[in-house]
Amino acid sequence: MPLIKVQTSISASQIADVESLLLSLSAKLAQHLGKPESYVMTIFEPEIPMTFAGTTEPVSYIEIKNIGTMKPDQTAAMSQDFCQQISQTLGVPKNRIYIEFTDVKGSMWGWNSATF
């Protein structure tokens, strides 16, 4: 049920190990939310045409979705953790990363032919 999606303007050829990044994001998201990693999905989309602050310098947009309510201390910790990781891994400055946190009702999330 938890989802983290990273979109970036960085080209795939500039990224050393996407699989390691996705596995790390998955484990961290499960830990931050206190949910089993067996439900976590990660998505990585490189080479997205993007601008931020009127430039095409490297940029990333991250979506984090979760069934339930994320508390302000959780979102603050995740913002710090994921901005740090994306900045180190992709070379995107922290001030060029947006993160959107979304709480979702269980009835609005489908899985395995049912909803939560």
Protein backbone atom coordinates (compact mmCIF):
# COMPACT_ATOMS: atom_id res chain seq x y z
CA MET A 1 0.00 0.00 0.00
CA PRO A 2 2.78 2.54 0.55
CA LEU A 3 4.12 3.95 -2.71
CA ILE A 4 7.13 6.09 -3.49
CA LYS A 5 7.54 7.40 -7.03
CA VAL A 6 10.60 9.38 -8.06
CA GLN A 7 10.56 11.38 -11.27
CA THR A 8 13.67 13.21 -12.35
CA SER A 9 15.16 15.08 -15.27
CA ILE A 10 18.41 13.13 -14.82
CA SER A 11 19.09 10.73 -17.70
CA ALA A 12 19.19 7.00 -17.01
CA SER A 13 22.79 6.83 -18.26
CA GLN A 14 23.89 9.11 -15.40
CA ILE A 15 22.53 6.79 -12.72
CA ALA A 16 24.88 4.08 -11.48
CA ASP A 17 22.48 1.59 -9.89
CA VAL A 18 18.73 2.14 -10.15
CA GLU A 19 17.92 -1.23 -8.58
CA SER A 20 19.88 -0.38 -5.42
CA LEU A 21 18.13 2.98 -5.23
CA LEU A 22 14.69 1.37 -5.51
CA LEU A 23 15.48 -1.28 -2.90
CA SER A 24 16.80 1.35 -0.50
CA LEU A 25 13.74 3.57 -1.00
CA SER A 26 11.47 0.58 -0.39
CA ALA A 27 13.14 -0.39 2.88
CA LYS A 28 13.24 3.21 4.13
CA LEU A 29 9.59 3.87 3.31
CA ALA A 30 8.48 0.72 5.13
CA GLN A 31 10.53 1.76 8.16
CA HIS A 32 9.26 5.35 8.20
CA LEU A 33 5.64 4.22 7.98
CA GLY A 34 5.94 1.14 10.19
CA LYS A 35 4.42 -1.06 7.49
CA PRO A 36 5.58 -4.37 5.99
CA GLU A 37 7.91 -3.89 3.04
CA SER A 38 5.98 -6.65 1.29
CA TYR A 39 3.32 -4.00 0.48
CA VAL A 40 5.67 -1.21 -0.63
CA MET A 41 5.92 -0.26 -4.31
CA THR A 42 8.68 1.90 -5.76
CA ILE A 43 8.73 3.62 -9.14
CA PHE A 44 11.60 5.44 -10.81
CA GLU A 45 11.10 7.54 -13.94
CA PRO A 46 14.26 9.18 -15.34
CA GLU A 47 14.58 11.63 -18.20
CA ILE A 48 11.29 13.43 -17.53
CA PRO A 49 11.30 16.88 -19.15
CA MET A 50 11.00 19.19 -16.12
CA THR A 51 11.67 22.74 -15.02
CA PHE A 52 11.98 24.27 -11.57
CA ALA A 53 12.54 27.92 -10.73
CA GLY A 54 12.58 28.72 -14.43
CA THR A 55 15.49 26.44 -15.32
CA THR A 56 16.06 22.94 -16.65
CA GLU A 57 18.90 22.23 -14.19
CA PRO A 58 18.60 18.78 -12.52
CA VAL A 59 15.33 18.41 -10.62
CA SER A 60 13.25 15.66 -8.98
CA TYR A 61 9.64 15.24 -7.91
CA ILE A 62 8.71 12.54 -5.41
CA GLU A 63 5.26 11.22 -4.54
CA ILE A 64 4.68 9.29 -1.33
CA LYS A 65 1.24 7.75 -0.88
CA ASN A 66 0.00 5.76 2.08
CA ILE A 67 -3.21 4.30 3.44
CA GLY A 68 -3.77 5.95 6.79
CA THR A 69 -2.57 9.22 8.20
CA MET A 70 1.01 10.39 8.00
CA LYS A 71 1.89 12.62 10.94
CA PRO A 72 3.87 15.86 10.53
CA ASP A 73 6.91 14.39 12.30
CA GLN A 74 6.85 11.43 9.87
CA THR A 75 6.63 13.62 6.77
CA ALA A 76 9.40 15.88 8.09
CA ALA A 77 11.67 12.88 8.71
CA MET A 78 10.86 11.40 5.29
CA SER A 79 11.49 14.72 3.56
CA GLN A 80 14.92 14.95 5.16
CA ASP A 81 15.80 11.31 4.50
CA PHE A 82 14.58 11.07 0.90
CA CYS A 83 15.93 14.48 -0.15
CA GLN A 84 19.33 13.46 1.22
CA GLN A 85 19.27 10.14 -0.62
CA ILE A 86 18.10 11.57 -3.96
CA SER A 87 20.61 14.39 -3.73
CA GLN A 88 23.49 11.99 -3.04
CA THR A 89 22.42 9.34 -5.53
CA LEU A 90 21.27 11.49 -8.44
CA GLY A 91 23.17 14.72 -7.82
CA VAL A 92 19.99 16.79 -7.62
CA PRO A 93 20.36 19.68 -5.17
CA LYS A 94 18.01 19.35 -2.19
CA ASN A 95 16.46 22.73 -2.98
CA ARG A 96 15.38 21.33 -6.37
CA ILE A 97 13.38 18.41 -4.96
CA TYR A 98 9.66 18.54 -4.22
CA ILE A 99 7.92 15.79 -2.26
CA GLU A 100 4.15 15.35 -2.21
CA PHE A 101 2.73 13.32 0.68
CA THR A 102 -0.77 11.90 0.19
CA ASP A 103 -2.95 9.99 2.66
CA VAL A 104 -5.36 7.64 0.90
CA LYS A 105 -8.51 5.92 2.17
CA GLY A 106 -8.30 2.13 2.02
CA SER A 107 -11.38 1.98 -0.18
CA MET A 108 -9.56 4.13 -2.76
CA TRP A 109 -6.60 1.74 -3.14
CA GLY A 110 -7.01 -1.50 -5.08
CA TRP A 111 -4.88 -4.61 -4.78
CA ASN A 112 -5.32 -8.30 -5.54
CA SER A 113 -8.81 -7.81 -7.02
CA ALA A 114 -10.06 -6.00 -3.89
CA THR A 115 -9.50 -2.79 -1.97
CA PHE A 116 -7.98 -2.18 1.42
